[in-house]
Amino acid sequence: MPDKDPNGMQMVGRYLSIAMMLPLATFIGYVIGYYLDKAFHTGFLKIVFLLIGIASGFLELFRELNKDTKNQ
């Protein structure tokens, strides 16, 4: 059962993971698209997967922040 009043280090870890979520999802989407472009000899998949990575990063960011506001 989680604490109602987390200590400072728990809060730092939680918000640091939220802050890294968007850039990491964007980077992973771009890398997947880059390697698919190399495999299929295309030039547009990195843009498509970059946009998918950005969208998934924002989706997870909104989910985490929504979960955070419900707990208060």
PDB file of N, CA and C in Angstrom:
ATOM      1  N   MET A   1       0.837  -1.175   0.000  1.00  0.00           N
ATOM      2  CA  MET A   1       0.000   0.000   0.000  1.00  0.00           C
ATOM      3  C   MET A   1       0.888   1.247   0.000  1.00  0.00           C
ATOM      4  N   PRO A   2       0.744   2.139  -0.980  1.00  0.00           N
ATOM      5  CA  PRO A   2       1.600   3.307  -1.041  1.00  0.00           C
ATOM      6  C   PRO A   2       1.302   4.296   0.080  1.00  0.00           C
ATOM      7  N   ASP A   3       2.353   5.022   0.464  1.00  0.00           N
ATOM      8  CA  ASP A   3       2.207   6.049   1.496  1.00  0.00           C
ATOM      9  C   ASP A   3       1.368   7.199   0.975  1.00  0.00           C
ATOM     10  N   LYS A   4       0.622   7.813   1.867  1.00  0.00           N
ATOM     11  CA  LYS A   4      -0.141   9.008   1.498  1.00  0.00           C
ATOM     12  C   LYS A   4       0.788  10.211   1.398  1.00  0.00           C
ATOM     13  N   ASP A   5       1.871  10.205   2.164  1.00  0.00           N
ATOM     14  CA  ASP A   5       2.824  11.313   2.161  1.00  0.00           C
ATOM     15  C   ASP A   5       4.217  10.780   1.824  1.00  0.00           C
ATOM     16  N   PRO A   6       4.551  10.704   0.537  1.00  0.00           N
ATOM     17  CA  PRO A   6       5.861  10.152   0.169  1.00  0.00           C
ATOM     18  C   PRO A   6       6.987  11.096   0.590  1.00  0.00           C
ATOM     19  N   ASN A   7       8.148  10.512   0.842  1.00  0.00           N
ATOM     20  CA  ASN A   7       9.273  11.353   1.224  1.00  0.00           C
ATOM     21  C   ASN A   7       9.864  12.041  -0.004  1.00  0.00           C
ATOM     22  N   GLY A   8      10.844  12.892   0.205  1.00  0.00           N
ATOM     23  CA  GLY A   8      11.409  13.703  -0.868  1.00  0.00           C
ATOM     24  C   GLY A   8      12.052  12.898  -1.977  1.00  0.00           C
ATOM     25  N   MET A   9      12.775  11.845  -1.629  1.00  0.00           N
ATOM     26  CA  MET A   9      13.458  11.050  -2.655  1.00  0.00           C
ATOM     27  C   MET A   9      12.464  10.293  -3.529  1.00  0.00           C
ATOM     28  N   GLN A  10      11.357   9.852  -2.963  1.00  0.00           N
ATOM     29  CA  GLN A  10      10.335   9.188  -3.764  1.00  0.00           C
ATOM     30  C   GLN A  10       9.717  10.163  -4.752  1.00  0.00           C
ATOM     31  N   MET A  11       9.490  11.376  -4.319  1.00  0.00           N
ATOM     32  CA  MET A  11       8.911  12.386  -5.206  1.00  0.00           C
ATOM     33  C   MET A  11       9.891  12.773  -6.308  1.00  0.00           C
ATOM     34  N   VAL A  12      11.175  12.889  -5.970  1.00  0.00           N
ATOM     35  CA  VAL A  12      12.186  13.205  -6.979  1.00  0.00           C
ATOM     36  C   VAL A  12      12.244  12.097  -8.023  1.00  0.00           C
ATOM     37  N   GLY A  13      12.227  10.856  -7.585  1.00  0.00           N
ATOM     38  CA  GLY A  13      12.257   9.734  -8.522  1.00  0.00           C
ATOM     39  C   GLY A  13      11.030   9.691  -9.411  1.00  0.00           C
ATOM     40  N   ARG A  14       9.889   9.959  -8.837  1.00  0.00           N
ATOM     41  CA  ARG A  14       8.639   9.938  -9.616  1.00  0.00           C
ATOM     42  C   ARG A  14       8.627  11.030 -10.671  1.00  0.00           C
ATOM     43  N   TYR A  15       8.961  12.241 -10.274  1.00  0.00           N
ATOM     44  CA  TYR A  15       8.907  13.348 -11.229  1.00  0.00           C
ATOM     45  C   TYR A  15      10.059  13.308 -12.225  1.00  0.00           C
ATOM     46  N   LEU A  16      11.174  12.722 -11.846  1.00  0.00           N
ATOM     47  CA  LEU A  16      12.265  12.537 -12.806  1.00  0.00           C
ATOM     48  C   LEU A  16      11.872  11.531 -13.873  1.00  0.00           C
ATOM     49  N   SER A  17      11.172  10.475 -13.485  1.00  0.00           N
ATOM     50  CA  SER A  17      10.722   9.507 -14.485  1.00  0.00           C
ATOM     51  C   SER A  17       9.676  10.123 -15.409  1.00  0.00           C
ATOM     52  N   ILE A  18       8.811  10.975 -14.872  1.00  0.00           N
ATOM     53  CA  ILE A  18       7.832  11.664 -15.714  1.00  0.00           C
ATOM     54  C   ILE A  18       8.542  12.605 -16.687  1.00  0.00           C
ATOM     55  N   ALA A  19       9.584  13.291 -16.217  1.00  0.00           N
ATOM     56  CA  ALA A  19      10.306  14.234 -17.069  1.00  0.00           C
ATOM     57  C   ALA A  19      11.074  13.525 -18.188  1.00  0.00           C
ATOM     58  N   MET A  20      11.510  12.305 -17.946  1.00  0.00           N
ATOM     59  CA  MET A  20      12.279  11.577 -18.956  1.00  0.00           C
ATOM     60  C   MET A  20      11.390  10.799 -19.923  1.00  0.00           C
ATOM     61  N   MET A  21      10.122  10.672 -19.606  1.00  0.00           N
ATOM     62  CA  MET A  21       9.213   9.868 -20.402  1.00  0.00           C
ATOM     63  C   MET A  21       9.063  10.391 -21.833  1.00  0.00           C
ATOM     64  N   LEU A  22       8.815  11.674 -22.001  1.00  0.00           N
ATOM     65  CA  LEU A  22       8.576  12.247 -23.326  1.00  0.00           C
ATOM     66  C   LEU A  22       9.825  12.194 -24.209  1.00  0.00           C
ATOM     67  N   PRO A  23      10.992  12.651 -23.743  1.00  0.00           N
ATOM     68  CA  PRO A  23      12.166  12.557 -24.622  1.00  0.00           C
ATOM     69  C   PRO A  23      12.559  11.120 -24.965  1.00  0.00           C
ATOM     70  N   LEU A  24      12.399  10.219 -24.010  1.00  0.00           N
ATOM     71  CA  LEU A  24      12.768   8.826 -24.264  1.00  0.00           C
ATOM     72  C   LEU A  24      11.831   8.173 -25.266  1.00  0.00           C
ATOM     73  N   ALA A  25      10.528   8.420 -25.147  1.00  0.00           N
ATOM     74  CA  ALA A  25       9.574   7.860 -26.104  1.00  0.00           C
ATOM     75  C   ALA A  25       9.817   8.423 -27.506  1.00  0.00           C
ATOM     76  N   THR A  26      10.140   9.706 -27.592  1.00  0.00           N
ATOM     77  CA  THR A  26      10.435  10.331 -28.876  1.00  0.00           C
ATOM     78  C   THR A  26      11.684   9.711 -29.504  1.00  0.00           C
ATOM     79  N   PHE A  27      12.723   9.538 -28.701  1.00  0.00           N
ATOM     80  CA  PHE A  27      13.968   8.958 -29.198  1.00  0.00           C
ATOM     81  C   PHE A  27      13.767   7.515 -29.658  1.00  0.00           C
ATOM     82  N   ILE A  28      13.048   6.735 -28.882  1.00  0.00           N
ATOM     83  CA  ILE A  28      12.807   5.330 -29.241  1.00  0.00           C
ATOM     84  C   ILE A  28      12.000   5.243 -30.533  1.00  0.00           C
ATOM     85  N   GLY A  29      10.993   6.096 -30.688  1.00  0.00           N
ATOM     86  CA  GLY A  29      10.225   6.113 -31.929  1.00  0.00           C
ATOM     87  C   GLY A  29      11.086   6.449 -33.128  1.00  0.00           C
ATOM     88  N   TYR A  30      11.967   7.426 -32.982  1.00  0.00           N
ATOM     89  CA  TYR A  30      12.849   7.798 -34.082  1.00  0.00           C
ATOM     90  C   TYR A  30      13.808   6.668 -34.429  1.00  0.00           C
ATOM     91  N   VAL A  31      14.374   6.026 -33.433  1.00  0.00           N
ATOM     92  CA  VAL A  31      15.335   4.940 -33.676  1.00  0.00           C
ATOM     93  C   VAL A  31      14.658   3.768 -34.382  1.00  0.00           C
ATOM     94  N   ILE A  32      13.451   3.421 -33.960  1.00  0.00           N
ATOM     95  CA  ILE A  32      12.724   2.345 -34.634  1.00  0.00           C
ATOM     96  C   ILE A  32      12.487   2.703 -36.092  1.00  0.00           C
ATOM     97  N   GLY A  33      12.030   3.925 -36.344  1.00  0.00           N
ATOM     98  CA  GLY A  33      11.796   4.368 -37.716  1.00  0.00           C
ATOM     99  C   GLY A  33      13.067   4.412 -38.543  1.00  0.00           C
ATOM    100  N   TYR A  34      14.167   4.837 -37.925  1.00  0.00           N
ATOM    101  CA  TYR A  34      15.448   4.902 -38.635  1.00  0.00           C
ATOM    102  C   TYR A  34      15.884   3.515 -39.110  1.00  0.00           C
ATOM    103  N   TYR A  35      15.807   2.537 -38.205  1.00  0.00           N
ATOM    104  CA  TYR A  35      16.236   1.192 -38.593  1.00  0.00           C
ATOM    105  C   TYR A  35      15.261   0.534 -39.574  1.00  0.00           C
ATOM    106  N   LEU A  36      13.981   0.854 -39.477  1.00  0.00           N
ATOM    107  CA  LEU A  36      13.042   0.338 -40.472  1.00  0.00           C
ATOM    108  C   LEU A  36      13.292   0.981 -41.838  1.00  0.00           C
ATOM    109  N   ASP A  37      13.654   2.254 -41.856  1.00  0.00           N
ATOM    110  CA  ASP A  37      14.017   2.907 -43.113  1.00  0.00           C
ATOM    111  C   ASP A  37      15.228   2.235 -43.748  1.00  0.00           C
ATOM    112  N   LYS A  38      16.215   1.907 -42.929  1.00  0.00           N
ATOM    113  CA  LYS A  38      17.405   1.220 -43.455  1.00  0.00           C
ATOM    114  C   LYS A  38      17.043  -0.168 -43.975  1.00  0.00           C
ATOM    115  N   ALA A  39      16.166  -0.868 -43.266  1.00  0.00           N
ATOM    116  CA  ALA A  39      15.815  -2.235 -43.654  1.00  0.00           C
ATOM    117  C   ALA A  39      14.989  -2.269 -44.935  1.00  0.00           C
ATOM    118  N   PHE A  40      14.063  -1.319 -45.100  1.00  0.00           N
ATOM    119  CA  PHE A  40      13.168  -1.333 -46.243  1.00  0.00           C
ATOM    120  C   PHE A  40      13.547  -0.322 -47.332  1.00  0.00           C
ATOM    121  N   HIS A  41      14.662   0.387 -47.135  1.00  0.00           N
ATOM    122  CA  HIS A  41      15.163   1.370 -48.109  1.00  0.00           C
ATOM    123  C   HIS A  41      14.106   2.432 -48.424  1.00  0.00           C
ATOM    124  N   THR A  42      13.528   2.979 -47.357  1.00  0.00           N
ATOM    125  CA  THR A  42      12.559   4.063 -47.496  1.00  0.00           C
ATOM    126  C   THR A  42      13.110   5.298 -46.802  1.00  0.00           C
ATOM    127  N   GLY A  43      12.351   6.381 -46.807  1.00  0.00           N
ATOM    128  CA  GLY A  43      12.826   7.595 -46.171  1.00  0.00           C
ATOM    129  C   GLY A  43      11.793   8.284 -45.305  1.00  0.00           C
ATOM    130  N   PHE A  44      10.640   7.668 -45.136  1.00  0.00           N
ATOM    131  CA  PHE A  44       9.567   8.336 -44.409  1.00  0.00           C
ATOM    132  C   PHE A  44       9.216   7.687 -43.076  1.00  0.00           C
ATOM    133  N   LEU A  45       9.683   6.475 -42.834  1.00  0.00           N
ATOM    134  CA  LEU A  45       9.275   5.765 -41.623  1.00  0.00           C
ATOM    135  C   LEU A  45       9.823   6.403 -40.353  1.00  0.00           C
ATOM    136  N   LYS A  46      10.988   7.038 -40.440  1.00  0.00           N
ATOM    137  CA  LYS A  46      11.505   7.670 -39.224  1.00  0.00           C
ATOM    138  C   LYS A  46      10.634   8.840 -38.794  1.00  0.00           C
ATOM    139  N   ILE A  47      10.035   9.543 -39.753  1.00  0.00           N
ATOM    140  CA  ILE A  47       9.121  10.638 -39.412  1.00  0.00           C
ATOM    141  C   ILE A  47       7.834  10.077 -38.801  1.00  0.00           C
ATOM    142  N   VAL A  48       7.318   9.005 -39.398  1.00  0.00           N
ATOM    143  CA  VAL A  48       6.087   8.391 -38.895  1.00  0.00           C
ATOM    144  C   VAL A  48       6.289   7.896 -37.466  1.00  0.00           C
ATOM    145  N   PHE A  49       7.372   7.177 -37.224  1.00  0.00           N
ATOM    146  CA  PHE A  49       7.601   6.634 -35.892  1.00  0.00           C
ATOM    147  C   PHE A  49       8.025   7.715 -34.909  1.00  0.00           C
ATOM    148  N   LEU A  50       8.634   8.786 -35.383  1.00  0.00           N
ATOM    149  CA  LEU A  50       8.917   9.925 -34.520  1.00  0.00           C
ATOM    150  C   LEU A  50       7.612  10.522 -33.995  1.00  0.00           C
ATOM    151  N   LEU A  51       6.649  10.703 -34.885  1.00  0.00           N
ATOM    152  CA  LEU A  51       5.346  11.237 -34.471  1.00  0.00           C
ATOM    153  C   LEU A  51       4.614  10.278 -33.537  1.00  0.00           C
ATOM    154  N   ILE A  52       4.723   8.986 -33.801  1.00  0.00           N
ATOM    155  CA  ILE A  52       4.111   7.999 -32.911  1.00  0.00           C
ATOM    156  C   ILE A  52       4.782   8.045 -31.536  1.00  0.00           C
ATOM    157  N   GLY A  53       6.094   8.197 -31.511  1.00  0.00           N
ATOM    158  CA  GLY A  53       6.817   8.300 -30.237  1.00  0.00           C
ATOM    159  C   GLY A  53       6.421   9.535 -29.460  1.00  0.00           C
ATOM    160  N   ILE A  54       6.272  10.670 -30.156  1.00  0.00           N
ATOM    161  CA  ILE A  54       5.840  11.900 -29.485  1.00  0.00           C
ATOM    162  C   ILE A  54       4.438  11.732 -28.921  1.00  0.00           C
ATOM    163  N   ALA A  55       3.544  11.154 -29.710  1.00  0.00           N
ATOM    164  CA  ALA A  55       2.165  10.958 -29.253  1.00  0.00           C
ATOM    165  C   ALA A  55       2.112  10.017 -28.050  1.00  0.00           C
ATOM    166  N   SER A  56       2.882   8.938 -28.091  1.00  0.00           N
ATOM    167  CA  SER A  56       2.860   8.004 -26.959  1.00  0.00           C
ATOM    168  C   SER A  56       3.491   8.629 -25.719  1.00  0.00           C
ATOM    169  N   GLY A  57       4.507   9.452 -25.902  1.00  0.00           N
ATOM    170  CA  GLY A  57       5.109  10.153 -24.769  1.00  0.00           C
ATOM    171  C   GLY A  57       4.138  11.105 -24.104  1.00  0.00           C
ATOM    172  N   PHE A  58       3.400  11.878 -24.907  1.00  0.00           N
ATOM    173  CA  PHE A  58       2.400  12.780 -24.343  1.00  0.00           C
ATOM    174  C   PHE A  58       1.266  12.011 -23.681  1.00  0.00           C
ATOM    175  N   LEU A  59       0.857  10.902 -24.269  1.00  0.00           N
ATOM    176  CA  LEU A  59      -0.212  10.099 -23.691  1.00  0.00           C
ATOM    177  C   LEU A  59       0.187   9.588 -22.309  1.00  0.00           C
ATOM    178  N   GLU A  60       1.376   9.058 -22.183  1.00  0.00           N
ATOM    179  CA  GLU A  60       1.835   8.571 -20.888  1.00  0.00           C
ATOM    180  C   GLU A  60       2.037   9.719 -19.899  1.00  0.00           C
ATOM    181  N   LEU A  61       2.495  10.865 -20.396  1.00  0.00           N
ATOM    182  CA  LEU A  61       2.654  12.032 -19.534  1.00  0.00           C
ATOM    183  C   LEU A  61       1.303  12.468 -18.967  1.00  0.00           C
ATOM    184  N   PHE A  62       0.289  12.540 -19.811  1.00  0.00           N
ATOM    185  CA  PHE A  62      -1.040  12.917 -19.342  1.00  0.00           C
ATOM    186  C   PHE A  62      -1.613  11.882 -18.382  1.00  0.00           C
ATOM    187  N   ARG A  63      -1.362  10.599 -18.637  1.00  0.00           N
ATOM    188  CA  ARG A  63      -1.849   9.555 -17.726  1.00  0.00           C
ATOM    189  C   ARG A  63      -1.222   9.688 -16.344  1.00  0.00           C
ATOM    190  N   GLU A  64       0.084   9.895 -16.315  1.00  0.00           N
ATOM    191  CA  GLU A  64       0.778  10.023 -15.031  1.00  0.00           C
ATOM    192  C   GLU A  64       0.337  11.275 -14.282  1.00  0.00           C
ATOM    193  N   LEU A  65       0.203  12.386 -14.985  1.00  0.00           N
ATOM    194  CA  LEU A  65      -0.222  13.611 -14.317  1.00  0.00           C
ATOM    195  C   LEU A  65      -1.671  13.517 -13.869  1.00  0.00           C
ATOM    196  N   ASN A  66      -2.499  12.831 -14.633  1.00  0.00           N
ATOM    197  CA  ASN A  66      -3.887  12.640 -14.222  1.00  0.00           C
ATOM    198  C   ASN A  66      -3.966  11.760 -12.987  1.00  0.00           C
ATOM    199  N   LYS A  67      -3.137  10.733 -12.943  1.00  0.00           N
ATOM    200  CA  LYS A  67      -3.081   9.868 -11.768  1.00  0.00           C
ATOM    201  C   LYS A  67      -2.602  10.658 -10.542  1.00  0.00           C
ATOM    202  N   ASP A  68      -1.667  11.587 -10.780  1.00  0.00           N
ATOM    203  CA  ASP A  68      -1.133  12.414  -9.716  1.00  0.00           C
ATOM    204  C   ASP A  68      -2.189  13.369  -9.158  1.00  0.00           C
ATOM    205  N   THR A  69      -3.012  13.942 -10.032  1.00  0.00           N
ATOM    206  CA  THR A  69      -4.018  14.882  -9.559  1.00  0.00           C
ATOM    207  C   THR A  69      -5.169  14.163  -8.853  1.00  0.00           C
ATOM    208  N   LYS A  70      -5.433  12.916  -9.201  1.00  0.00           N
ATOM    209  CA  LYS A  70      -6.504  12.161  -8.531  1.00  0.00           C
ATOM    210  C   LYS A  70      -6.112  11.799  -7.103  1.00  0.00           C
ATOM    211  N   ASN A  71      -4.788  11.659  -6.855  1.00  0.00           N
ATOM    212  CA  ASN A  71      -4.330  11.297  -5.527  1.00  0.00           C
ATOM    213  C   ASN A  71      -4.334  12.468  -4.555  1.00  0.00           C
ATOM    214  N   GLN A  72      -4.509  13.665  -5.021  1.00  0.00           N
ATOM    215  CA  GLN A  72      -4.461  14.832  -4.122  1.00  0.00           C
ATOM    216  C   GLN A  72      -5.802  15.201  -3.619  1.00  0.00           C
TER     217      GLN A  72
END
